[in-house]
PDB file of N, CA and C in Angstrom:
ATOM      1  N   ARG A   1      73.230 -40.917 -86.452  1.00  0.00           N
ATOM      2  CA  ARG A   1      72.086 -41.133 -85.574  1.00  0.00           C
ATOM      3  C   ARG A   1      72.214 -40.860 -83.623  1.00  0.00           C
ATOM      4  N   ARG A   2      71.541 -39.729 -83.629  1.00  0.00           N
ATOM      5  CA  ARG A   2      71.587 -39.358 -82.543  1.00  0.00           C
ATOM      6  C   ARG A   2      70.428 -39.939 -81.203  1.00  0.00           C
ATOM      7  N   PHE A   3      70.281 -40.617 -80.398  1.00  0.00           N
ATOM      8  CA  PHE A   3      69.796 -41.248 -79.445  1.00  0.00           C
ATOM      9  C   PHE A   3      69.767 -39.967 -77.871  1.00  0.00           C
ATOM     10  N   TYR A   4      68.791 -39.874 -77.620  1.00  0.00           N
ATOM     11  CA  TYR A   4      68.610 -38.860 -76.175  1.00  0.00           C
ATOM     12  C   TYR A   4      67.627 -39.326 -75.417  1.00  0.00           C
ATOM     13  N   VAL A   5      67.725 -39.297 -74.233  1.00  0.00           N
ATOM     14  CA  VAL A   5      66.267 -39.217 -73.016  1.00  0.00           C
ATOM     15  C   VAL A   5      66.243 -37.587 -72.065  1.00  0.00           C
ATOM     16  N   LYS A   6      65.803 -37.540 -71.953  1.00  0.00           N
ATOM     17  CA  LYS A   6      65.180 -36.031 -71.335  1.00  0.00           C
ATOM     18  C   LYS A   6      64.765 -36.855 -69.655  1.00  0.00           C
ATOM     19  N   ILE A   7      65.382 -36.290 -68.939  1.00  0.00           N
ATOM     20  CA  ILE A   7      65.150 -36.516 -67.440  1.00  0.00           C
ATOM     21  C   ILE A   7      65.310 -35.881 -66.360  1.00  0.00           C
ATOM     22  N   LYS A   8      64.394 -35.667 -65.354  1.00  0.00           N
ATOM     23  CA  LYS A   8      64.346 -34.781 -64.616  1.00  0.00           C
ATOM     24  C   LYS A   8      65.696 -34.686 -63.898  1.00  0.00           C
ATOM     25  N   ASP A   9      65.317 -33.432 -63.184  1.00  0.00           N
ATOM     26  CA  ASP A   9      66.933 -33.450 -62.297  1.00  0.00           C
ATOM     27  C   ASP A   9      66.862 -34.157 -61.062  1.00  0.00           C
ATOM     28  N   THR A  10      65.634 -34.277 -60.815  1.00  0.00           N
ATOM     29  CA  THR A  10      65.380 -34.924 -59.295  1.00  0.00           C
ATOM     30  C   THR A  10      65.345 -36.550 -59.175  1.00  0.00           C
ATOM     31  N   ASN A  11      65.590 -37.050 -60.409  1.00  0.00           N
ATOM     32  CA  ASN A  11      64.981 -38.383 -60.730  1.00  0.00           C
ATOM     33  C   ASN A  11      66.745 -38.993 -60.715  1.00  0.00           C
ATOM     34  N   HIS A  12      67.509 -38.951 -59.385  1.00  0.00           N
ATOM     35  CA  HIS A  12      69.189 -39.600 -59.110  1.00  0.00           C
ATOM     36  C   HIS A  12      69.530 -40.617 -60.276  1.00  0.00           C
ATOM     37  N   SER A  13      68.559 -41.602 -59.909  1.00  0.00           N
ATOM     38  CA  SER A  13      68.480 -42.961 -60.112  1.00  0.00           C
ATOM     39  C   SER A  13      68.817 -43.309 -61.724  1.00  0.00           C
ATOM     40  N   SER A  14      67.727 -42.519 -62.539  1.00  0.00           N
ATOM     41  CA  SER A  14      67.888 -42.669 -64.224  1.00  0.00           C
ATOM     42  C   SER A  14      69.056 -41.960 -64.382  1.00  0.00           C
ATOM     43  N   ILE A  15      69.162 -40.716 -63.940  1.00  0.00           N
ATOM     44  CA  ILE A  15      70.544 -40.235 -64.521  1.00  0.00           C
ATOM     45  C   ILE A  15      71.972 -40.829 -64.116  1.00  0.00           C
ATOM     46  N   LYS A  16      71.981 -41.391 -63.387  1.00  0.00           N
ATOM     47  CA  LYS A  16      72.938 -42.615 -62.745  1.00  0.00           C
ATOM     48  C   LYS A  16      72.964 -43.941 -63.880  1.00  0.00           C
ATOM     49  N   LEU A  17      71.745 -43.700 -64.331  1.00  0.00           N
ATOM     50  CA  LEU A  17      71.833 -45.425 -64.869  1.00  0.00           C
ATOM     51  C   LEU A  17      72.370 -45.021 -66.357  1.00  0.00           C
ATOM     52  N   PHE A  18      71.573 -43.744 -66.710  1.00  0.00           N
ATOM     53  CA  PHE A  18      71.966 -43.439 -68.374  1.00  0.00           C
ATOM     54  C   PHE A  18      73.440 -43.069 -68.171  1.00  0.00           C
ATOM     55  N   LYS A  19      73.670 -42.249 -67.477  1.00  0.00           N
ATOM     56  CA  LYS A  19      75.042 -41.405 -67.174  1.00  0.00           C
ATOM     57  C   LYS A  19      76.188 -42.451 -67.103  1.00  0.00           C
ATOM     58  N   GLU A  20      76.001 -42.997 -65.839  1.00  0.00           N
ATOM     59  CA  GLU A  20      77.179 -43.731 -65.345  1.00  0.00           C
ATOM     60  C   GLU A  20      77.134 -45.167 -65.949  1.00  0.00           C
ATOM     61  N   LYS A  21      76.377 -45.434 -66.118  1.00  0.00           N
ATOM     62  CA  LYS A  21      76.028 -47.538 -66.733  1.00  0.00           C
ATOM     63  C   LYS A  21      75.837 -47.501 -67.891  1.00  0.00           C
ATOM     64  N   LEU A  22      75.333 -46.723 -68.559  1.00  0.00           N
ATOM     65  CA  LEU A  22      74.934 -47.248 -69.841  1.00  0.00           C
ATOM     66  C   LEU A  22      75.698 -45.859 -71.096  1.00  0.00           C
ATOM     67  N   GLY A  23      76.414 -44.996 -70.523  1.00  0.00           N
ATOM     68  CA  GLY A  23      77.049 -44.168 -71.224  1.00  0.00           C
ATOM     69  C   GLY A  23      76.623 -43.088 -72.307  1.00  0.00           C
ATOM     70  N   PHE A  24      75.486 -42.342 -71.802  1.00  0.00           N
ATOM     71  CA  PHE A  24      75.009 -40.910 -72.101  1.00  0.00           C
ATOM     72  C   PHE A  24      75.598 -40.801 -71.634  1.00  0.00           C
ATOM     73  N   VAL A  25      75.973 -39.038 -72.976  1.00  0.00           N
ATOM     74  CA  VAL A  25      76.762 -38.139 -71.982  1.00  0.00           C
ATOM     75  C   VAL A  25      75.685 -36.590 -72.163  1.00  0.00           C
ATOM     76  N   GLU A  26      76.072 -36.086 -70.885  1.00  0.00           N
ATOM     77  CA  GLU A  26      74.786 -35.398 -70.688  1.00  0.00           C
ATOM     78  C   GLU A  26      75.333 -33.781 -71.865  1.00  0.00           C
ATOM     79  N   CYS A  27      74.189 -33.400 -72.665  1.00  0.00           N
ATOM     80  CA  CYS A  27      74.334 -32.409 -73.656  1.00  0.00           C
ATOM     81  C   CYS A  27      73.220 -30.969 -73.620  1.00  0.00           C
ATOM     82  N   ALA A  28      72.602 -31.266 -72.447  1.00  0.00           N
ATOM     83  CA  ALA A  28      71.860 -30.244 -71.974  1.00  0.00           C
ATOM     84  C   ALA A  28      70.823 -30.039 -71.265  1.00  0.00           C
ATOM     85  N   TYR A  29      71.095 -29.009 -70.228  1.00  0.00           N
ATOM     86  CA  TYR A  29      70.329 -28.857 -69.026  1.00  0.00           C
ATOM     87  C   TYR A  29      69.199 -27.769 -69.160  1.00  0.00           C
ATOM     88  N   ALA A  30      67.785 -28.053 -69.075  1.00  0.00           N
ATOM     89  CA  ALA A  30      66.595 -26.464 -69.224  1.00  0.00           C
ATOM     90  C   ALA A  30      66.537 -26.609 -67.611  1.00  0.00           C
ATOM     91  N   GLU A  31      67.259 -25.373 -67.495  1.00  0.00           N
ATOM     92  CA  GLU A  31      66.584 -25.245 -65.971  1.00  0.00           C
ATOM     93  C   GLU A  31      65.336 -24.900 -65.894  1.00  0.00           C
ATOM     94  N   CYS A  32      64.488 -24.579 -66.566  1.00  0.00           N
ATOM     95  CA  CYS A  32      63.187 -23.888 -66.621  1.00  0.00           C
ATOM     96  C   CYS A  32      62.428 -25.318 -66.451  1.00  0.00           C
ATOM     97  N   PHE A  33      62.593 -26.428 -67.153  1.00  0.00           N
ATOM     98  CA  PHE A  33      61.978 -27.649 -66.723  1.00  0.00           C
ATOM     99  C   PHE A  33      62.782 -28.281 -65.593  1.00  0.00           C
ATOM    100  N   GLY A  34      63.548 -27.906 -65.067  1.00  0.00           N
ATOM    101  CA  GLY A  34      63.927 -29.092 -64.016  1.00  0.00           C
ATOM    102  C   GLY A  34      64.652 -30.149 -65.044  1.00  0.00           C
ATOM    103  N   GLU A  35      65.478 -30.098 -66.333  1.00  0.00           N
ATOM    104  CA  GLU A  35      65.721 -31.423 -67.378  1.00  0.00           C
ATOM    105  C   GLU A  35      66.709 -31.402 -67.653  1.00  0.00           C
ATOM    106  N   TYR A  36      67.386 -32.302 -67.248  1.00  0.00           N
ATOM    107  CA  TYR A  36      68.345 -33.238 -68.353  1.00  0.00           C
ATOM    108  C   TYR A  36      67.995 -34.139 -69.419  1.00  0.00           C
ATOM    109  N   GLU A  37      69.417 -33.601 -70.762  1.00  0.00           N
ATOM    110  CA  GLU A  37      68.949 -34.584 -71.660  1.00  0.00           C
ATOM    111  C   GLU A  37      70.501 -34.904 -71.958  1.00  0.00           C
ATOM    112  N   PHE A  38      70.515 -36.484 -72.060  1.00  0.00           N
ATOM    113  CA  PHE A  38      71.604 -37.307 -72.249  1.00  0.00           C
ATOM    114  C   PHE A  38      71.779 -37.952 -73.625  1.00  0.00           C
ATOM    115  N   GLU A  39      72.726 -38.109 -74.048  1.00  0.00           N
ATOM    116  CA  GLU A  39      72.649 -38.505 -75.378  1.00  0.00           C
ATOM    117  C   GLU A  39      73.942 -39.635 -75.589  1.00  0.00           C
ATOM    118  N   LEU A  40      73.232 -40.519 -76.703  1.00  0.00           N
ATOM    119  CA  LEU A  40      74.326 -41.265 -77.195  1.00  0.00           C
ATOM    120  C   LEU A  40      74.325 -41.735 -78.627  1.00  0.00           C
ATOM    121  N   LYS A  41      75.475 -41.453 -79.158  1.00  0.00           N
ATOM    122  CA  LYS A  41      75.244 -41.598 -80.882  1.00  0.00           C
ATOM    123  C   LYS A  41      76.030 -42.772 -81.106  1.00  0.00           C
ATOM    124  N   CYS A  42      74.993 -43.356 -81.907  1.00  0.00           N
ATOM    125  CA  CYS A  42      75.520 -44.694 -82.922  1.00  0.00           C
ATOM    126  C   CYS A  42      75.037 -44.746 -84.429  1.00  0.00           C
ATOM    127  N   GLU A  43      75.585 -45.695 -85.314  1.00  0.00           N
ATOM    128  CA  GLU A  43      75.408 -45.040 -86.588  1.00  0.00           C
ATOM    129  C   GLU A  43      73.807 -45.692 -87.288  1.00  0.00           C
ATOM    130  N   THR A  44      73.587 -46.962 -86.256  1.00  0.00           N
ATOM    131  CA  THR A  44      72.200 -47.015 -86.462  1.00  0.00           C
ATOM    132  C   THR A  44      71.216 -47.668 -85.184  1.00  0.00           C
ATOM    133  N   SER A  45      70.181 -47.715 -85.432  1.00  0.00           N
ATOM    134  CA  SER A  45      69.418 -48.190 -84.083  1.00  0.00           C
ATOM    135  C   SER A  45      69.458 -49.817 -83.983  1.00  0.00           C
ATOM    136  N   GLU A  46      69.823 -50.052 -84.624  1.00  0.00           N
ATOM    137  CA  GLU A  46      70.110 -51.353 -84.553  1.00  0.00           C
ATOM    138  C   GLU A  46      71.530 -51.695 -83.611  1.00  0.00           C
ATOM    139  N   ASP A  47      72.491 -50.778 -84.045  1.00  0.00           N
ATOM    140  CA  ASP A  47      73.833 -50.630 -83.270  1.00  0.00           C
ATOM    141  C   ASP A  47      73.507 -50.072 -82.001  1.00  0.00           C
ATOM    142  N   MET A  48      72.363 -49.251 -81.694  1.00  0.00           N
ATOM    143  CA  MET A  48      72.009 -48.818 -80.377  1.00  0.00           C
ATOM    144  C   MET A  48      71.678 -49.600 -79.605  1.00  0.00           C
ATOM    145  N   ALA A  49      70.658 -50.523 -80.073  1.00  0.00           N
ATOM    146  CA  ALA A  49      69.365 -51.595 -79.395  1.00  0.00           C
ATOM    147  C   ALA A  49      71.272 -52.757 -78.828  1.00  0.00           C
ATOM    148  N   GLU A  50      72.039 -52.974 -79.826  1.00  0.00           N
ATOM    149  CA  GLU A  50      72.840 -53.971 -79.275  1.00  0.00           C
ATOM    150  C   GLU A  50      73.782 -53.528 -78.511  1.00  0.00           C
ATOM    151  N   LEU A  51      74.139 -52.311 -78.329  1.00  0.00           N
ATOM    152  CA  LEU A  51      75.107 -51.030 -77.544  1.00  0.00           C
ATOM    153  C   LEU A  51      74.304 -51.587 -76.017  1.00  0.00           C
ATOM    154  N   ILE A  52      73.109 -51.509 -76.279  1.00  0.00           N
ATOM    155  CA  ILE A  52      72.468 -51.282 -74.768  1.00  0.00           C
ATOM    156  C   ILE A  52      72.202 -52.703 -74.388  1.00  0.00           C
ATOM    157  N   GLU A  53      72.224 -53.044 -75.246  1.00  0.00           N
ATOM    158  CA  GLU A  53      71.808 -54.505 -74.351  1.00  0.00           C
ATOM    159  C   GLU A  53      73.236 -55.754 -74.120  1.00  0.00           C
ATOM    160  N   GLN A  54      74.073 -55.084 -74.315  1.00  0.00           N
ATOM    161  CA  GLN A  54      75.348 -55.333 -73.948  1.00  0.00           C
ATOM    162  C   GLN A  54      75.667 -54.831 -72.944  1.00  0.00           C
ATOM    163  N   LYS A  55      75.458 -53.457 -72.600  1.00  0.00           N
ATOM    164  CA  LYS A  55      75.983 -52.839 -71.231  1.00  0.00           C
ATOM    165  C   LYS A  55      74.726 -53.360 -70.392  1.00  0.00           C
ATOM    166  N   TRP A  56      73.602 -53.568 -70.793  1.00  0.00           N
ATOM    167  CA  TRP A  56      72.587 -54.254 -69.729  1.00  0.00           C
ATOM    168  C   TRP A  56      72.982 -55.591 -69.521  1.00  0.00           C
ATOM    169  N   GLN A  57      73.356 -56.511 -70.076  1.00  0.00           N
ATOM    170  CA  GLN A  57      74.198 -57.627 -69.813  1.00  0.00           C
ATOM    171  C   GLN A  57      75.135 -57.645 -68.874  1.00  0.00           C
ATOM    172  N   CYS A  58      75.929 -56.742 -68.996  1.00  0.00           N
ATOM    173  CA  CYS A  58      76.934 -56.511 -67.722  1.00  0.00           C
ATOM    174  C   CYS A  58      76.508 -56.800 -66.999  1.00  0.00           C
ATOM    175  N   LEU A  59      76.113 -55.265 -66.948  1.00  0.00           N
ATOM    176  CA  LEU A  59      75.217 -54.695 -65.286  1.00  0.00           C
ATOM    177  C   LEU A  59      74.518 -55.898 -64.600  1.00  0.00           C
ATOM    178  N   VAL A  60      74.235 -57.072 -65.549  1.00  0.00           N
ATOM    179  CA  VAL A  60      73.121 -57.700 -64.851  1.00  0.00           C
ATOM    180  C   VAL A  60      73.771 -59.070 -64.377  1.00  0.00           C
ATOM    181  N   ALA A  61      75.064 -59.215 -65.323  1.00  0.00           N
ATOM    182  CA  ALA A  61      76.339 -60.171 -65.064  1.00  0.00           C
ATOM    183  C   ALA A  61      77.294 -59.386 -63.471  1.00  0.00           C
ATOM    184  N   GLN A  62      77.137 -58.395 -63.129  1.00  0.00           N
ATOM    185  CA  GLN A  62      77.654 -57.753 -61.908  1.00  0.00           C
ATOM    186  C   GLN A  62      76.924 -57.716 -61.099  1.00  0.00           C
ATOM    187  N   LYS A  63      75.680 -58.267 -60.805  1.00  0.00           N
ATOM    188  CA  LYS A  63      75.214 -58.200 -59.942  1.00  0.00           C
ATOM    189  C   LYS A  63      73.946 -58.823 -60.145  1.00  0.00           C
ATOM    190  N   GLN A  64      73.496 -59.685 -59.464  1.00  0.00           N
ATOM    191  CA  GLN A  64      73.061 -60.922 -59.856  1.00  0.00           C
ATOM    192  C   GLN A  64      71.547 -60.657 -60.506  1.00  0.00           C
ATOM    193  N   SER A  65      70.994 -59.311 -59.801  1.00  0.00           N
ATOM    194  CA  SER A  65      69.752 -58.600 -60.736  1.00  0.00           C
ATOM    195  C   SER A  65      70.288 -57.529 -60.172  1.00  0.00           C
ATOM    196  N   PRO A  66      69.421 -57.037 -61.610  1.00  0.00           N
ATOM    197  CA  PRO A  66      69.423 -55.444 -61.439  1.00  0.00           C
ATOM    198  C   PRO A  66      68.377 -54.753 -60.740  1.00  0.00           C
ATOM    199  N   SER A  67      68.494 -53.317 -59.871  1.00  0.00           N
ATOM    200  CA  SER A  67      67.670 -52.743 -58.550  1.00  0.00           C
ATOM    201  C   SER A  67      66.162 -52.934 -59.412  1.00  0.00           C
ATOM    202  N   ALA A  68      65.226 -52.242 -58.523  1.00  0.00           N
ATOM    203  CA  ALA A  68      64.128 -52.692 -58.756  1.00  0.00           C
ATOM    204  C   ALA A  68      63.835 -51.136 -59.321  1.00  0.00           C
ATOM    205  N   THR A  69      64.777 -49.705 -58.945  1.00  0.00           N
ATOM    206  CA  THR A  69      64.819 -48.579 -59.658  1.00  0.00           C
ATOM    207  C   THR A  69      65.208 -48.917 -61.122  1.00  0.00           C
ATOM    208  N   GLU A  70      66.452 -49.775 -61.420  1.00  0.00           N
ATOM    209  CA  GLU A  70      66.856 -49.785 -63.132  1.00  0.00           C
ATOM    210  C   GLU A  70      66.204 -50.575 -63.773  1.00  0.00           C
ATOM    211  N   GLU A  71      65.131 -51.715 -63.011  1.00  0.00           N
ATOM    212  CA  GLU A  71      64.161 -52.397 -63.535  1.00  0.00           C
ATOM    213  C   GLU A  71      62.911 -51.244 -64.342  1.00  0.00           C
ATOM    214  N   THR A  72      62.902 -50.473 -63.164  1.00  0.00           N
ATOM    215  CA  THR A  72      61.854 -50.015 -63.896  1.00  0.00           C
ATOM    216  C   THR A  72      62.235 -48.522 -65.103  1.00  0.00           C
ATOM    217  N   VAL A  73      62.907 -48.142 -65.027  1.00  0.00           N
ATOM    218  CA  VAL A  73      63.647 -47.496 -66.134  1.00  0.00           C
ATOM    219  C   VAL A  73      63.507 -48.595 -67.645  1.00  0.00           C
ATOM    220  N   ALA A  74      63.986 -49.419 -67.441  1.00  0.00           N
ATOM    221  CA  ALA A  74      64.626 -50.140 -68.862  1.00  0.00           C
ATOM    222  C   ALA A  74      63.099 -50.480 -68.910  1.00  0.00           C
ATOM    223  N   ARG A  75      61.692 -50.693 -68.253  1.00  0.00           N
ATOM    224  CA  ARG A  75      60.618 -51.188 -68.382  1.00  0.00           C
ATOM    225  C   ARG A  75      59.591 -49.337 -69.360  1.00  0.00           C
ATOM    226  N   ASN A  76      60.076 -48.637 -68.719  1.00  0.00           N
ATOM    227  CA  ASN A  76      59.060 -47.624 -68.739  1.00  0.00           C
ATOM    228  C   ASN A  76      60.037 -46.254 -68.863  1.00  0.00           C
ATOM    229  N   GLY A  77      61.228 -46.390 -69.636  1.00  0.00           N
ATOM    230  CA  GLY A  77      61.702 -45.045 -70.062  1.00  0.00           C
ATOM    231  C   GLY A  77      61.534 -45.175 -71.391  1.00  0.00           C
ATOM    232  N   THR A  78      61.898 -44.459 -72.111  1.00  0.00           N
ATOM    233  CA  THR A  78      62.008 -43.847 -73.623  1.00  0.00           C
ATOM    234  C   THR A  78      63.253 -43.666 -74.094  1.00  0.00           C
ATOM    235  N   ILE A  79      63.590 -43.350 -75.044  1.00  0.00           N
ATOM    236  CA  ILE A  79      64.585 -43.343 -75.781  1.00  0.00           C
ATOM    237  C   ILE A  79      64.480 -42.610 -77.238  1.00  0.00           C
ATOM    238  N   TYR A  80      64.598 -41.885 -77.450  1.00  0.00           N
ATOM    239  CA  TYR A  80      63.916 -41.137 -78.842  1.00  0.00           C
ATOM    240  C   TYR A  80      64.999 -41.283 -79.360  1.00  0.00           C
ATOM    241  N   ASP A  81      64.900 -41.585 -80.946  1.00  0.00           N
ATOM    242  CA  ASP A  81      65.315 -41.912 -82.048  1.00  0.00           C
ATOM    243  C   ASP A  81      65.603 -40.091 -82.795  1.00  0.00           C
ATOM    244  N   VAL A  82      66.471 -39.423 -83.100  1.00  0.00           N
ATOM    245  CA  VAL A  82      66.063 -38.611 -83.946  1.00  0.00           C
ATOM    246  C   VAL A  82      67.160 -38.649 -85.209  1.00  0.00           C
ATOM    247  N   HIS A  83      66.713 -38.867 -86.454  1.00  0.00           N
ATOM    248  CA  HIS A  83      67.656 -39.225 -87.638  1.00  0.00           C
ATOM    249  C   HIS A  83      68.064 -37.528 -88.252  1.00  0.00           C
ATOM    250  N   GLU A  84      69.454 -37.659 -88.183  1.00  0.00           N
ATOM    251  CA  GLU A  84      70.076 -36.141 -88.895  1.00  0.00           C
ATOM    252  C   GLU A  84      70.216 -36.404 -89.860  1.00  0.00           C
TER     253      GLU A  84
END
């Protein structure tokens, strides 16, 4: 399964979170929309949830609490599940 996010190129904190912290890989850029697409491949949606939870727990452990930006992305971000 391929899980992906689309992020505006001006949203630097979300790009940093998904790319550097959660391990998503840039797979496309739509210049006409000014939007990056990042993906993360996992076998199942449960594997994806577990992986993100583990990475998030590591981030929280490294910092006493995540930044307001990371909390906002975690609450409001959308991860799309594409069945292949």
